[in-house]
Amino acid sequence: MKDINEFFSSITEPEHRTKVEELFKWTMDHYPQLNVVIKWNQPMFTDHETFIIAYSTTKKHISIAPETVTIATFKDEIEKTGYQHTDNIIKITWAEPIDYTFLKKIIDYNIEEKAHYTKFWRE
């Protein structure tokens, strides 16, 4: 995968593609300082070349990957949203609405916590 348009094109279900495009647009509108990069065949948002959040898709859901530390920090809030999660990702089924207020909290947390990081991932 070379760019974000190729990622969008890979989503064959029109309603799913629209939902993901809206997610990316919301993120770019609210965080214009973040850069979209493709790494490991997945679009990611970075700040000063440091990972902030990644989005990917499966047949059943959108995966939100903010790093394990962030998931652990927000575990109770994730569970209150009703979203399923693992240690690595938050799963938003195609039928579930995206809770942008919650998403803003985790993105803000990563930006603030990683403001002085010089590496891509947390150590």
PDB file of N, CA and C in Angstrom:
ATOM      1  N   MET A   1       0.845  -1.170   0.000  1.00  0.00           N
ATOM      2  CA  MET A   1       0.000   0.000   0.000  1.00  0.00           C
ATOM      3  C   MET A   1       0.893   1.237   0.000  1.00  0.00           C
ATOM      4  N   LYS A   2       0.562   2.152  -0.913  1.00  0.00           N
ATOM      5  CA  LYS A   2       1.404   3.334  -1.086  1.00  0.00           C
ATOM      6  C   LYS A   2       0.842   4.592  -0.437  1.00  0.00           C
ATOM      7  N   ASP A   3      -0.498   4.714  -0.439  1.00  0.00           N
ATOM      8  CA  ASP A   3      -1.073   5.942   0.109  1.00  0.00           C
ATOM      9  C   ASP A   3      -2.472   5.693   0.654  1.00  0.00           C
ATOM     10  N   ILE A   4      -3.030   6.725   1.242  1.00  0.00           N
ATOM     11  CA  ILE A   4      -4.321   6.626   1.904  1.00  0.00           C
ATOM     12  C   ILE A   4      -5.449   6.300   0.928  1.00  0.00           C
ATOM     13  N   ASN A   5      -5.369   6.802  -0.304  1.00  0.00           N
ATOM     14  CA  ASN A   5      -6.409   6.505  -1.291  1.00  0.00           C
ATOM     15  C   ASN A   5      -6.429   5.029  -1.644  1.00  0.00           C
ATOM     16  N   GLU A   6      -5.272   4.419  -1.687  1.00  0.00           N
ATOM     17  CA  GLU A   6      -5.207   2.978  -1.935  1.00  0.00           C
ATOM     18  C   GLU A   6      -5.862   2.221  -0.778  1.00  0.00           C
ATOM     19  N   PHE A   7      -5.651   2.693   0.436  1.00  0.00           N
ATOM     20  CA  PHE A   7      -6.303   2.089   1.608  1.00  0.00           C
ATOM     21  C   PHE A   7      -7.819   2.206   1.481  1.00  0.00           C
ATOM     22  N   PHE A   8      -8.320   3.401   1.176  1.00  0.00           N
ATOM     23  CA  PHE A   8      -9.766   3.584   1.023  1.00  0.00           C
ATOM     24  C   PHE A   8     -10.318   2.680  -0.079  1.00  0.00           C
ATOM     25  N   SER A   9      -9.613   2.586  -1.188  1.00  0.00           N
ATOM     26  CA  SER A   9     -10.063   1.761  -2.315  1.00  0.00           C
ATOM     27  C   SER A   9     -10.133   0.283  -1.958  1.00  0.00           C
ATOM     28  N   SER A  10      -9.349  -0.126  -0.985  1.00  0.00           N
ATOM     29  CA  SER A  10      -9.342  -1.540  -0.593  1.00  0.00           C
ATOM     30  C   SER A  10     -10.581  -1.925   0.217  1.00  0.00           C
ATOM     31  N   ILE A  11     -11.357  -0.945   0.650  1.00  0.00           N
ATOM     32  CA  ILE A  11     -12.584  -1.202   1.416  1.00  0.00           C
ATOM     33  C   ILE A  11     -13.723  -1.318   0.410  1.00  0.00           C
ATOM     34  N   THR A  12     -14.168  -2.537   0.171  1.00  0.00           N
ATOM     35  CA  THR A  12     -15.102  -2.784  -0.931  1.00  0.00           C
ATOM     36  C   THR A  12     -16.552  -2.417  -0.620  1.00  0.00           C
ATOM     37  N   GLU A  13     -16.952  -2.467   0.627  1.00  0.00           N
ATOM     38  CA  GLU A  13     -18.325  -2.135   1.008  1.00  0.00           C
ATOM     39  C   GLU A  13     -18.471  -0.608   1.065  1.00  0.00           C
ATOM     40  N   PRO A  14     -19.328  -0.016   0.215  1.00  0.00           N
ATOM     41  CA  PRO A  14     -19.429   1.450   0.160  1.00  0.00           C
ATOM     42  C   PRO A  14     -19.729   2.121   1.505  1.00  0.00           C
ATOM     43  N   GLU A  15     -20.645   1.550   2.301  1.00  0.00           N
ATOM     44  CA  GLU A  15     -20.969   2.165   3.594  1.00  0.00           C
ATOM     45  C   GLU A  15     -19.773   2.125   4.537  1.00  0.00           C
ATOM     46  N   HIS A  16     -19.014   1.048   4.479  1.00  0.00           N
ATOM     47  CA  HIS A  16     -17.820   0.926   5.318  1.00  0.00           C
ATOM     48  C   HIS A  16     -16.770   1.947   4.887  1.00  0.00           C
ATOM     49  N   ARG A  17     -16.572   2.060   3.580  1.00  0.00           N
ATOM     50  CA  ARG A  17     -15.592   3.021   3.063  1.00  0.00           C
ATOM     51  C   ARG A  17     -15.959   4.443   3.504  1.00  0.00           C
ATOM     52  N   THR A  18     -17.239   4.785   3.388  1.00  0.00           N
ATOM     53  CA  THR A  18     -17.692   6.117   3.790  1.00  0.00           C
ATOM     54  C   THR A  18     -17.427   6.359   5.273  1.00  0.00           C
ATOM     55  N   LYS A  19     -17.715   5.373   6.102  1.00  0.00           N
ATOM     56  CA  LYS A  19     -17.498   5.516   7.546  1.00  0.00           C
ATOM     57  C   LYS A  19     -16.017   5.732   7.856  1.00  0.00           C
ATOM     58  N   VAL A  20     -15.148   4.995   7.181  1.00  0.00           N
ATOM     59  CA  VAL A  20     -13.704   5.127   7.408  1.00  0.00           C
ATOM     60  C   VAL A  20     -13.203   6.470   6.873  1.00  0.00           C
ATOM     61  N   GLU A  21     -13.691   6.880   5.718  1.00  0.00           N
ATOM     62  CA  GLU A  21     -13.295   8.189   5.184  1.00  0.00           C
ATOM     63  C   GLU A  21     -13.706   9.308   6.143  1.00  0.00           C
ATOM     64  N   GLU A  22     -14.895   9.191   6.727  1.00  0.00           N
ATOM     65  CA  GLU A  22     -15.345  10.189   7.705  1.00  0.00           C
ATOM     66  C   GLU A  22     -14.450  10.191   8.943  1.00  0.00           C
ATOM     67  N   LEU A  23     -14.021   9.015   9.384  1.00  0.00           N
ATOM     68  CA  LEU A  23     -13.111   8.902  10.526  1.00  0.00           C
ATOM     69  C   LEU A  23     -11.787   9.604  10.237  1.00  0.00           C
ATOM     70  N   PHE A  24     -11.236   9.369   9.057  1.00  0.00           N
ATOM     71  CA  PHE A  24      -9.976  10.021   8.684  1.00  0.00           C
ATOM     72  C   PHE A  24     -10.167  11.528   8.536  1.00  0.00           C
ATOM     73  N   LYS A  25     -11.271  11.936   7.925  1.00  0.00           N
ATOM     74  CA  LYS A  25     -11.525  13.373   7.763  1.00  0.00           C
ATOM     75  C   LYS A  25     -11.650  14.044   9.125  1.00  0.00           C
ATOM     76  N   TRP A  26     -12.388  13.424  10.033  1.00  0.00           N
ATOM     77  CA  TRP A  26     -12.528  13.983  11.377  1.00  0.00           C
ATOM     78  C   TRP A  26     -11.151  14.127  12.038  1.00  0.00           C
ATOM     79  N   THR A  27     -10.339  13.094  11.940  1.00  0.00           N
ATOM     80  CA  THR A  27      -9.017  13.127  12.564  1.00  0.00           C
ATOM     81  C   THR A  27      -8.159  14.230  11.947  1.00  0.00           C
ATOM     82  N   MET A  28      -8.155  14.327  10.632  1.00  0.00           N
ATOM     83  CA  MET A  28      -7.340  15.349   9.963  1.00  0.00           C
ATOM     84  C   MET A  28      -7.859  16.763  10.249  1.00  0.00           C
ATOM     85  N   ASP A  29      -9.187  16.923  10.328  1.00  0.00           N
ATOM     86  CA  ASP A  29      -9.759  18.241  10.632  1.00  0.00           C
ATOM     87  C   ASP A  29      -9.435  18.683  12.060  1.00  0.00           C
ATOM     88  N   HIS A  30      -9.483  17.747  13.002  1.00  0.00           N
ATOM     89  CA  HIS A  30      -9.251  18.079  14.407  1.00  0.00           C
ATOM     90  C   HIS A  30      -7.774  18.092  14.798  1.00  0.00           C
ATOM     91  N   TYR A  31      -6.957  17.424  14.010  1.00  0.00           N
ATOM     92  CA  TYR A  31      -5.524  17.327  14.322  1.00  0.00           C
ATOM     93  C   TYR A  31      -4.695  17.588  13.062  1.00  0.00           C
ATOM     94  N   PRO A  32      -4.760  18.803  12.535  1.00  0.00           N
ATOM     95  CA  PRO A  32      -4.040  19.091  11.288  1.00  0.00           C
ATOM     96  C   PRO A  32      -2.522  18.969  11.424  1.00  0.00           C
ATOM     97  N   GLN A  33      -2.014  18.971  12.642  1.00  0.00           N
ATOM     98  CA  GLN A  33      -0.574  18.831  12.849  1.00  0.00           C
ATOM     99  C   GLN A  33      -0.097  17.386  12.674  1.00  0.00           C
ATOM    100  N   LEU A  34      -1.020  16.429  12.661  1.00  0.00           N
ATOM    101  CA  LEU A  34      -0.632  15.028  12.502  1.00  0.00           C
ATOM    102  C   LEU A  34      -0.418  14.705  11.031  1.00  0.00           C
ATOM    103  N   ASN A  35       0.516  13.811  10.792  1.00  0.00           N
ATOM    104  CA  ASN A  35       0.806  13.343   9.434  1.00  0.00           C
ATOM    105  C   ASN A  35       0.264  11.938   9.260  1.00  0.00           C
ATOM    106  N   VAL A  36      -0.289  11.663   8.087  1.00  0.00           N
ATOM    107  CA  VAL A  36      -0.714  10.305   7.756  1.00  0.00           C
ATOM    108  C   VAL A  36       0.440   9.629   7.037  1.00  0.00           C
ATOM    109  N   VAL A  37       0.850   8.484   7.560  1.00  0.00           N
ATOM    110  CA  VAL A  37       1.906   7.696   6.933  1.00  0.00           C
ATOM    111  C   VAL A  37       1.412   6.265   6.787  1.00  0.00           C
ATOM    112  N   ILE A  38       1.984   5.562   5.829  1.00  0.00           N
ATOM    113  CA  ILE A  38       1.676   4.145   5.659  1.00  0.00           C
ATOM    114  C   ILE A  38       2.889   3.365   6.140  1.00  0.00           C
ATOM    115  N   LYS A  39       2.685   2.539   7.149  1.00  0.00           N
ATOM    116  CA  LYS A  39       3.743   1.666   7.657  1.00  0.00           C
ATOM    117  C   LYS A  39       3.113   0.309   7.920  1.00  0.00           C
ATOM    118  N   TRP A  40       3.831  -0.735   7.569  1.00  0.00           N
ATOM    119  CA  TRP A  40       3.340  -2.096   7.757  1.00  0.00           C
ATOM    120  C   TRP A  40       1.964  -2.271   7.107  1.00  0.00           C
ATOM    121  N   ASN A  41       1.798  -1.664   5.932  1.00  0.00           N
ATOM    122  CA  ASN A  41       0.550  -1.760   5.161  1.00  0.00           C
ATOM    123  C   ASN A  41      -0.663  -1.195   5.897  1.00  0.00           C
ATOM    124  N   GLN A  42      -0.437  -0.239   6.767  1.00  0.00           N
ATOM    125  CA  GLN A  42      -1.518   0.322   7.570  1.00  0.00           C
ATOM    126  C   GLN A  42      -1.342   1.832   7.683  1.00  0.00           C
ATOM    127  N   PRO A  43      -2.429   2.595   7.511  1.00  0.00           N
ATOM    128  CA  PRO A  43      -2.315   4.041   7.705  1.00  0.00           C
ATOM    129  C   PRO A  43      -2.214   4.380   9.189  1.00  0.00           C
ATOM    130  N   MET A  44      -1.311   5.296   9.481  1.00  0.00           N
ATOM    131  CA  MET A  44      -1.073   5.718  10.861  1.00  0.00           C
ATOM    132  C   MET A  44      -0.952   7.230  10.905  1.00  0.00           C
ATOM    133  N   PHE A  45      -1.291   7.786  12.041  1.00  0.00           N
ATOM    134  CA  PHE A  45      -1.096   9.209  12.275  1.00  0.00           C
ATOM    135  C   PHE A  45       0.106   9.376  13.192  1.00  0.00           C
ATOM    136  N   THR A  46       0.993  10.297  12.807  1.00  0.00           N
ATOM    137  CA  THR A  46       2.187  10.554  13.604  1.00  0.00           C
ATOM    138  C   THR A  46       2.285  12.041  13.932  1.00  0.00           C
ATOM    139  N   ASP A  47       3.028  12.317  14.978  1.00  0.00           N
ATOM    140  CA  ASP A  47       3.343  13.683  15.377  1.00  0.00           C
ATOM    141  C   ASP A  47       4.845  13.723  15.602  1.00  0.00           C
ATOM    142  N   HIS A  48       5.544  14.602  14.935  1.00  0.00           N
ATOM    143  CA  HIS A  48       7.008  14.677  14.953  1.00  0.00           C
ATOM    144  C   HIS A  48       7.644  13.278  14.817  1.00  0.00           C
ATOM    145  N   GLU A  49       7.100  12.512  13.851  1.00  0.00           N
ATOM    146  CA  GLU A  49       7.571  11.166  13.501  1.00  0.00           C
ATOM    147  C   GLU A  49       7.400  10.156  14.633  1.00  0.00           C
ATOM    148  N   THR A  50       6.495  10.450  15.549  1.00  0.00           N
ATOM    149  CA  THR A  50       6.162   9.549  16.651  1.00  0.00           C
ATOM    150  C   THR A  50       4.725   9.066  16.466  1.00  0.00           C
ATOM    151  N   PHE A  51       4.513   7.766  16.620  1.00  0.00           N
ATOM    152  CA  PHE A  51       3.197   7.166  16.456  1.00  0.00           C
ATOM    153  C   PHE A  51       2.193   7.765  17.435  1.00  0.00           C
ATOM    154  N   ILE A  52       1.004   8.092  16.911  1.00  0.00           N
ATOM    155  CA  ILE A  52      -0.092   8.570  17.753  1.00  0.00           C
ATOM    156  C   ILE A  52      -1.261   7.586  17.719  1.00  0.00           C
ATOM    157  N   ILE A  53      -1.729   7.213  16.528  1.00  0.00           N
ATOM    158  CA  ILE A  53      -2.867   6.300  16.417  1.00  0.00           C
ATOM    159  C   ILE A  53      -2.898   5.713  15.013  1.00  0.00           C
ATOM    160  N   ALA A  54      -3.477   4.512  14.901  1.00  0.00           N
ATOM    161  CA  ALA A  54      -3.645   3.871  13.596  1.00  0.00           C
ATOM    162  C   ALA A  54      -5.063   3.333  13.479  1.00  0.00           C
ATOM    163  N   TYR A  55      -5.552   3.330  12.250  1.00  0.00           N
ATOM    164  CA  TYR A  55      -6.865   2.774  11.955  1.00  0.00           C
ATOM    165  C   TYR A  55      -6.697   1.706  10.882  1.00  0.00           C
ATOM    166  N   SER A  56      -7.430   0.613  11.031  1.00  0.00           N
ATOM    167  CA  SER A  56      -7.463  -0.411   9.990  1.00  0.00           C
ATOM    168  C   SER A  56      -8.855  -1.029   9.999  1.00  0.00           C
ATOM    169  N   THR A  57      -9.108  -1.905   9.052  1.00  0.00           N
ATOM    170  CA  THR A  57     -10.442  -2.488   8.936  1.00  0.00           C
ATOM    171  C   THR A  57     -10.368  -4.001   8.781  1.00  0.00           C
ATOM    172  N   THR A  58     -11.454  -4.645   9.197  1.00  0.00           N
ATOM    173  CA  THR A  58     -11.673  -6.064   8.933  1.00  0.00           C
ATOM    174  C   THR A  58     -13.098  -6.178   8.399  1.00  0.00           C
ATOM    175  N   LYS A  59     -13.514  -7.373   8.080  1.00  0.00           N
ATOM    176  CA  LYS A  59     -14.885  -7.560   7.607  1.00  0.00           C
ATOM    177  C   LYS A  59     -15.907  -7.171   8.670  1.00  0.00           C
ATOM    178  N   LYS A  60     -15.520  -7.303   9.950  1.00  0.00           N
ATOM    179  CA  LYS A  60     -16.474  -7.086  11.034  1.00  0.00           C
ATOM    180  C   LYS A  60     -16.358  -5.746  11.753  1.00  0.00           C
ATOM    181  N   HIS A  61     -15.215  -5.069  11.637  1.00  0.00           N
ATOM    182  CA  HIS A  61     -15.044  -3.860  12.437  1.00  0.00           C
ATOM    183  C   HIS A  61     -13.925  -2.955  11.935  1.00  0.00           C
ATOM    184  N   ILE A  62     -13.899  -1.757  12.518  1.00  0.00           N
ATOM    185  CA  ILE A  62     -12.772  -0.838  12.390  1.00  0.00           C
ATOM    186  C   ILE A  62     -11.891  -1.086  13.603  1.00  0.00           C
ATOM    187  N   SER A  63     -10.605  -1.179  13.393  1.00  0.00           N
ATOM    188  CA  SER A  63      -9.655  -1.320  14.496  1.00  0.00           C
ATOM    189  C   SER A  63      -9.017   0.031  14.770  1.00  0.00           C
ATOM    190  N   ILE A  64      -9.045   0.430  16.025  1.00  0.00           N
ATOM    191  CA  ILE A  64      -8.388   1.648  16.483  1.00  0.00           C
ATOM    192  C   ILE A  64      -7.200   1.181  17.320  1.00  0.00           C
ATOM    193  N   ALA A  65      -5.999   1.570  16.919  1.00  0.00           N
ATOM    194  CA  ALA A  65      -4.794   1.118  17.617  1.00  0.00           C
ATOM    195  C   ALA A  65      -4.035   2.323  18.177  1.00  0.00           C
ATOM    196  N   PRO A  66      -4.211   2.600  19.477  1.00  0.00           N
ATOM    197  CA  PRO A  66      -3.517   3.738  20.074  1.00  0.00           C
ATOM    198  C   PRO A  66      -2.286   3.357  20.906  1.00  0.00           C
ATOM    199  N   GLU A  67      -1.878   2.116  20.904  1.00  0.00           N
ATOM    200  CA  GLU A  67      -0.803   1.509  21.708  1.00  0.00           C
ATOM    201  C   GLU A  67      -1.386   0.932  22.999  1.00  0.00           C
ATOM    202  N   THR A  68      -0.708  -0.086  23.496  1.00  0.00           N
ATOM    203  CA  THR A  68      -1.213  -0.829  24.657  1.00  0.00           C
ATOM    204  C   THR A  68      -1.310   0.028  25.920  1.00  0.00           C
ATOM    205  N   VAL A  69      -0.377   0.942  26.117  1.00  0.00           N
ATOM    206  CA  VAL A  69      -0.413   1.811  27.303  1.00  0.00           C
ATOM    207  C   VAL A  69      -1.705   2.624  27.318  1.00  0.00           C
ATOM    208  N   THR A  70      -2.087   3.131  26.176  1.00  0.00           N
ATOM    209  CA  THR A  70      -3.295   3.951  26.088  1.00  0.00           C
ATOM    210  C   THR A  70      -4.535   3.103  26.331  1.00  0.00           C
ATOM    211  N   ILE A  71      -4.565   1.913  25.777  1.00  0.00           N
ATOM    212  CA  ILE A  71      -5.714   1.028  26.017  1.00  0.00           C
ATOM    213  C   ILE A  71      -5.820   0.695  27.502  1.00  0.00           C
ATOM    214  N   ALA A  72      -4.705   0.392  28.132  1.00  0.00           N
ATOM    215  CA  ALA A  72      -4.721   0.094  29.568  1.00  0.00           C
ATOM    216  C   ALA A  72      -5.193   1.308  30.374  1.00  0.00           C
ATOM    217  N   THR A  73      -4.740   2.482  29.996  1.00  0.00           N
ATOM    218  CA  THR A  73      -5.114   3.715  30.700  1.00  0.00           C
ATOM    219  C   THR A  73      -6.612   3.988  30.592  1.00  0.00           C
ATOM    220  N   PHE A  74      -7.189   3.700  29.434  1.00  0.00           N
ATOM    221  CA  PHE A  74      -8.595   4.018  29.182  1.00  0.00           C
ATOM    222  C   PHE A  74      -9.500   2.784  29.208  1.00  0.00           C
ATOM    223  N   LYS A  75      -9.021   1.690  29.791  1.00  0.00           N
ATOM    224  CA  LYS A  75      -9.775   0.430  29.761  1.00  0.00           C
ATOM    225  C   LYS A  75     -11.212   0.595  30.266  1.00  0.00           C
ATOM    226  N   ASP A  76     -11.392   1.248  31.402  1.00  0.00           N
ATOM    227  CA  ASP A  76     -12.743   1.422  31.947  1.00  0.00           C
ATOM    228  C   ASP A  76     -13.629   2.240  31.011  1.00  0.00           C
ATOM    229  N   GLU A  77     -13.066   3.298  30.442  1.00  0.00           N
ATOM    230  CA  GLU A  77     -13.844   4.122  29.506  1.00  0.00           C
ATOM    231  C   GLU A  77     -14.178   3.358  28.232  1.00  0.00           C
ATOM    232  N   ILE A  78     -13.237   2.548  27.754  1.00  0.00           N
ATOM    233  CA  ILE A  78     -13.499   1.730  26.564  1.00  0.00           C
ATOM    234  C   ILE A  78     -14.686   0.826  26.843  1.00  0.00           C
ATOM    235  N   GLU A  79     -14.673   0.186  27.995  1.00  0.00           N
ATOM    236  CA  GLU A  79     -15.753  -0.737  28.337  1.00  0.00           C
ATOM    237  C   GLU A  79     -17.086  -0.006  28.492  1.00  0.00           C
ATOM    238  N   LYS A  80     -17.063   1.231  28.971  1.00  0.00           N
ATOM    239  CA  LYS A  80     -18.300   2.018  29.082  1.00  0.00           C
ATOM    240  C   LYS A  80     -18.879   2.357  27.711  1.00  0.00           C
ATOM    241  N   THR A  81     -18.024   2.492  26.695  1.00  0.00           N
ATOM    242  CA  THR A  81     -18.525   2.778  25.345  1.00  0.00           C
ATOM    243  C   THR A  81     -19.240   1.575  24.751  1.00  0.00           C
ATOM    244  N   GLY A  82     -18.937   0.386  25.292  1.00  0.00           N
ATOM    245  CA  GLY A  82     -19.502  -0.838  24.739  1.00  0.00           C
ATOM    246  C   GLY A  82     -18.639  -1.453  23.657  1.00  0.00           C
ATOM    247  N   TYR A  83     -17.532  -0.805  23.321  1.00  0.00           N
ATOM    248  CA  TYR A  83     -16.632  -1.349  22.306  1.00  0.00           C
ATOM    249  C   TYR A  83     -15.875  -2.546  22.869  1.00  0.00           C
ATOM    250  N   GLN A  84     -15.661  -3.530  22.020  1.00  0.00           N
ATOM    251  CA  GLN A  84     -14.781  -4.637  22.390  1.00  0.00           C
ATOM    252  C   GLN A  84     -13.347  -4.161  22.231  1.00  0.00           C
ATOM    253  N   HIS A  85     -12.438  -4.806  22.963  1.00  0.00           N
ATOM    254  CA  HIS A  85     -11.028  -4.432  22.828  1.00  0.00           C
ATOM    255  C   HIS A  85     -10.140  -5.608  23.205  1.00  0.00           C
ATOM    256  N   THR A  86      -8.917  -5.516  22.748  1.00  0.00           N
ATOM    257  CA  THR A  86      -7.859  -6.425  23.170  1.00  0.00           C
ATOM    258  C   THR A  86      -6.796  -5.542  23.816  1.00  0.00           C
ATOM    259  N   ASP A  87      -5.653  -6.107  24.119  1.00  0.00           N
ATOM    260  CA  ASP A  87      -4.567  -5.285  24.657  1.00  0.00           C
ATOM    261  C   ASP A  87      -4.040  -4.304  23.616  1.00  0.00           C
ATOM    262  N   ASN A  88      -4.256  -4.606  22.329  1.00  0.00           N
ATOM    263  CA  ASN A  88      -3.660  -3.816  21.248  1.00  0.00           C
ATOM    264  C   ASN A  88      -4.623  -2.941  20.465  1.00  0.00           C
ATOM    265  N   ILE A  89      -5.894  -3.321  20.410  1.00  0.00           N
ATOM    266  CA  ILE A  89      -6.835  -2.572  19.570  1.00  0.00           C
ATOM    267  C   ILE A  89      -8.194  -2.400  20.241  1.00  0.00           C
ATOM    268  N   ILE A  90      -8.888  -1.383  19.780  1.00  0.00           N
ATOM    269  CA  ILE A  90     -10.289  -1.156  20.120  1.00  0.00           C
ATOM    270  C   ILE A  90     -11.075  -1.488  18.859  1.00  0.00           C
ATOM    271  N   LYS A  91     -12.126  -2.283  19.003  1.00  0.00           N
ATOM    272  CA  LYS A  91     -12.924  -2.709  17.851  1.00  0.00           C
ATOM    273  C   LYS A  91     -14.254  -1.964  17.836  1.00  0.00           C
ATOM    274  N   ILE A  92     -14.514  -1.293  16.726  1.00  0.00           N
ATOM    275  CA  ILE A  92     -15.797  -0.624  16.532  1.00  0.00           C
ATOM    276  C   ILE A  92     -16.491  -1.345  15.383  1.00  0.00           C
ATOM    277  N   THR A  93     -17.558  -2.072  15.703  1.00  0.00           N
ATOM    278  CA  THR A  93     -18.244  -2.808  14.646  1.00  0.00           C
ATOM    279  C   THR A  93     -18.836  -1.822  13.649  1.00  0.00           C
ATOM    280  N   TRP A  94     -19.124  -2.331  12.465  1.00  0.00           N
ATOM    281  CA  TRP A  94     -19.670  -1.463  11.417  1.00  0.00           C
ATOM    282  C   TRP A  94     -21.017  -0.874  11.822  1.00  0.00           C
ATOM    283  N   ALA A  95     -21.760  -1.564  12.683  1.00  0.00           N
ATOM    284  CA  ALA A  95     -23.074  -1.074  13.111  1.00  0.00           C
ATOM    285  C   ALA A  95     -22.980  -0.042  14.234  1.00  0.00           C
ATOM    286  N   GLU A  96     -21.859  -0.007  14.944  1.00  0.00           N
ATOM    287  CA  GLU A  96     -21.708   0.914  16.073  1.00  0.00           C
ATOM    288  C   GLU A  96     -21.306   2.308  15.600  1.00  0.00           C
ATOM    289  N   PRO A  97     -21.834   3.334  16.247  1.00  0.00           N
ATOM    290  CA  PRO A  97     -21.367   4.688  15.922  1.00  0.00           C
ATOM    291  C   PRO A  97     -19.970   4.906  16.506  1.00  0.00           C
ATOM    292  N   ILE A  98     -19.217   5.796  15.884  1.00  0.00           N
ATOM    293  CA  ILE A  98     -17.904   6.155  16.413  1.00  0.00           C
ATOM    294  C   ILE A  98     -18.112   7.243  17.460  1.00  0.00           C
ATOM    295  N   ASP A  99     -17.611   6.996  18.650  1.00  0.00           N
ATOM    296  CA  ASP A  99     -17.704   7.967  19.737  1.00  0.00           C
ATOM    297  C   ASP A  99     -16.514   8.919  19.605  1.00  0.00           C
ATOM    298  N   TYR A 100     -16.732  10.018  18.893  1.00  0.00           N
ATOM    299  CA  TYR A 100     -15.637  10.949  18.617  1.00  0.00           C
ATOM    300  C   TYR A 100     -15.156  11.680  19.872  1.00  0.00           C
ATOM    301  N   THR A 101     -16.018  11.862  20.844  1.00  0.00           N
ATOM    302  CA  THR A 101     -15.585  12.471  22.105  1.00  0.00           C
ATOM    303  C   THR A 101     -14.566  11.567  22.786  1.00  0.00           C
ATOM    304  N   PHE A 102     -14.844  10.278  22.807  1.00  0.00           N
ATOM    305  CA  PHE A 102     -13.899   9.318  23.384  1.00  0.00           C
ATOM    306  C   PHE A 102     -12.620   9.251  22.553  1.00  0.00           C
ATOM    307  N   LEU A 103     -12.762   9.199  21.248  1.00  0.00           N
ATOM    308  CA  LEU A 103     -11.592   9.130  20.371  1.00  0.00           C
ATOM    309  C   LEU A 103     -10.690  10.345  20.592  1.00  0.00           C
ATOM    310  N   LYS A 104     -11.284  11.501  20.756  1.00  0.00           N
ATOM    311  CA  LYS A 104     -10.504  12.718  21.026  1.00  0.00           C
ATOM    312  C   LYS A 104      -9.687  12.566  22.306  1.00  0.00           C
ATOM    313  N   LYS A 105     -10.276  11.964  23.329  1.00  0.00           N
ATOM    314  CA  LYS A 105      -9.550  11.766  24.591  1.00  0.00           C
ATOM    315  C   LYS A 105      -8.294  10.926  24.392  1.00  0.00           C
ATOM    316  N   ILE A 106      -8.411   9.840  23.629  1.00  0.00           N
ATOM    317  CA  ILE A 106      -7.232   8.975  23.489  1.00  0.00           C
ATOM    318  C   ILE A 106      -6.177   9.598  22.571  1.00  0.00           C
ATOM    319  N   ILE A 107      -6.618  10.318  21.553  1.00  0.00           N
ATOM    320  CA  ILE A 107      -5.641  10.999  20.692  1.00  0.00           C
ATOM    321  C   ILE A 107      -4.946  12.111  21.475  1.00  0.00           C
ATOM    322  N   ASP A 108      -5.723  12.908  22.206  1.00  0.00           N
ATOM    323  CA  ASP A 108      -5.125  13.973  23.022  1.00  0.00           C
ATOM    324  C   ASP A 108      -4.130  13.399  24.023  1.00  0.00           C
ATOM    325  N   TYR A 109      -4.494  12.296  24.641  1.00  0.00           N
ATOM    326  CA  TYR A 109      -3.607  11.643  25.607  1.00  0.00           C
ATOM    327  C   TYR A 109      -2.286  11.258  24.949  1.00  0.00           C
ATOM    328  N   ASN A 110      -2.356  10.610  23.793  1.00  0.00           N
ATOM    329  CA  ASN A 110      -1.122  10.190  23.122  1.00  0.00           C
ATOM    330  C   ASN A 110      -0.278  11.384  22.690  1.00  0.00           C
ATOM    331  N   ILE A 111      -0.905  12.414  22.177  1.00  0.00           N
ATOM    332  CA  ILE A 111      -0.146  13.601  21.764  1.00  0.00           C
ATOM    333  C   ILE A 111       0.562  14.213  22.970  1.00  0.00           C
ATOM    334  N   GLU A 112      -0.162  14.358  24.057  1.00  0.00           N
ATOM    335  CA  GLU A 112       0.420  14.967  25.255  1.00  0.00           C
ATOM    336  C   GLU A 112       1.509  14.081  25.865  1.00  0.00           C
ATOM    337  N   GLU A 113       1.218  12.802  26.015  1.00  0.00           N
ATOM    338  CA  GLU A 113       2.171  11.877  26.631  1.00  0.00           C
ATOM    339  C   GLU A 113       3.437  11.689  25.798  1.00  0.00           C
ATOM    340  N   LYS A 114       3.297  11.833  24.497  1.00  0.00           N
ATOM    341  CA  LYS A 114       4.438  11.562  23.615  1.00  0.00           C
ATOM    342  C   LYS A 114       5.059  12.842  23.048  1.00  0.00           C
ATOM    343  N   ALA A 115       4.744  13.968  23.645  1.00  0.00           N
ATOM    344  CA  ALA A 115       5.225  15.257  23.133  1.00  0.00           C
ATOM    345  C   ALA A 115       6.746  15.321  23.019  1.00  0.00           C
ATOM    346  N   HIS A 116       7.438  14.643  23.906  1.00  0.00           N
ATOM    347  CA  HIS A 116       8.901  14.715  23.901  1.00  0.00           C
ATOM    348  C   HIS A 116       9.558  13.408  23.465  1.00  0.00           C
ATOM    349  N   TYR A 117       8.757  12.481  22.956  1.00  0.00           N
ATOM    350  CA  TYR A 117       9.330  11.221  22.472  1.00  0.00           C
ATOM    351  C   TYR A 117      10.115  11.480  21.197  1.00  0.00           C
ATOM    352  N   THR A 118      11.185  10.760  21.051  1.00  0.00           N
ATOM    353  CA  THR A 118      11.997  10.880  19.838  1.00  0.00           C
ATOM    354  C   THR A 118      11.976   9.593  19.023  1.00  0.00           C
ATOM    355  N   LYS A 119      11.298   8.570  19.534  1.00  0.00           N
ATOM    356  CA  LYS A 119      11.191   7.300  18.814  1.00  0.00           C
ATOM    357  C   LYS A 119       9.754   7.106  18.351  1.00  0.00           C
ATOM    358  N   PHE A 120       9.566   6.156  17.442  1.00  0.00           N
ATOM    359  CA  PHE A 120       8.242   5.913  16.879  1.00  0.00           C
ATOM    360  C   PHE A 120       7.286   5.349  17.929  1.00  0.00           C
ATOM    361  N   TRP A 121       7.689   4.275  18.607  1.00  0.00           N
ATOM    362  CA  TRP A 121       6.856   3.593  19.601  1.00  0.00           C
ATOM    363  C   TRP A 121       7.299   3.965  21.008  1.00  0.00           C
ATOM    364  N   ARG A 122       6.402   3.766  21.955  1.00  0.00           N
ATOM    365  CA  ARG A 122       6.782   3.871  23.370  1.00  0.00           C
ATOM    366  C   ARG A 122       7.718   2.721  23.704  1.00  0.00           C
ATOM    367  N   GLU A 123       8.557   2.949  24.672  1.00  0.00           N
ATOM    368  CA  GLU A 123       9.462   1.867  25.099  1.00  0.00           C
ATOM    369  C   GLU A 123       8.990   1.268  26.394  1.00  0.00           C
TER     370      GLU A 123
END
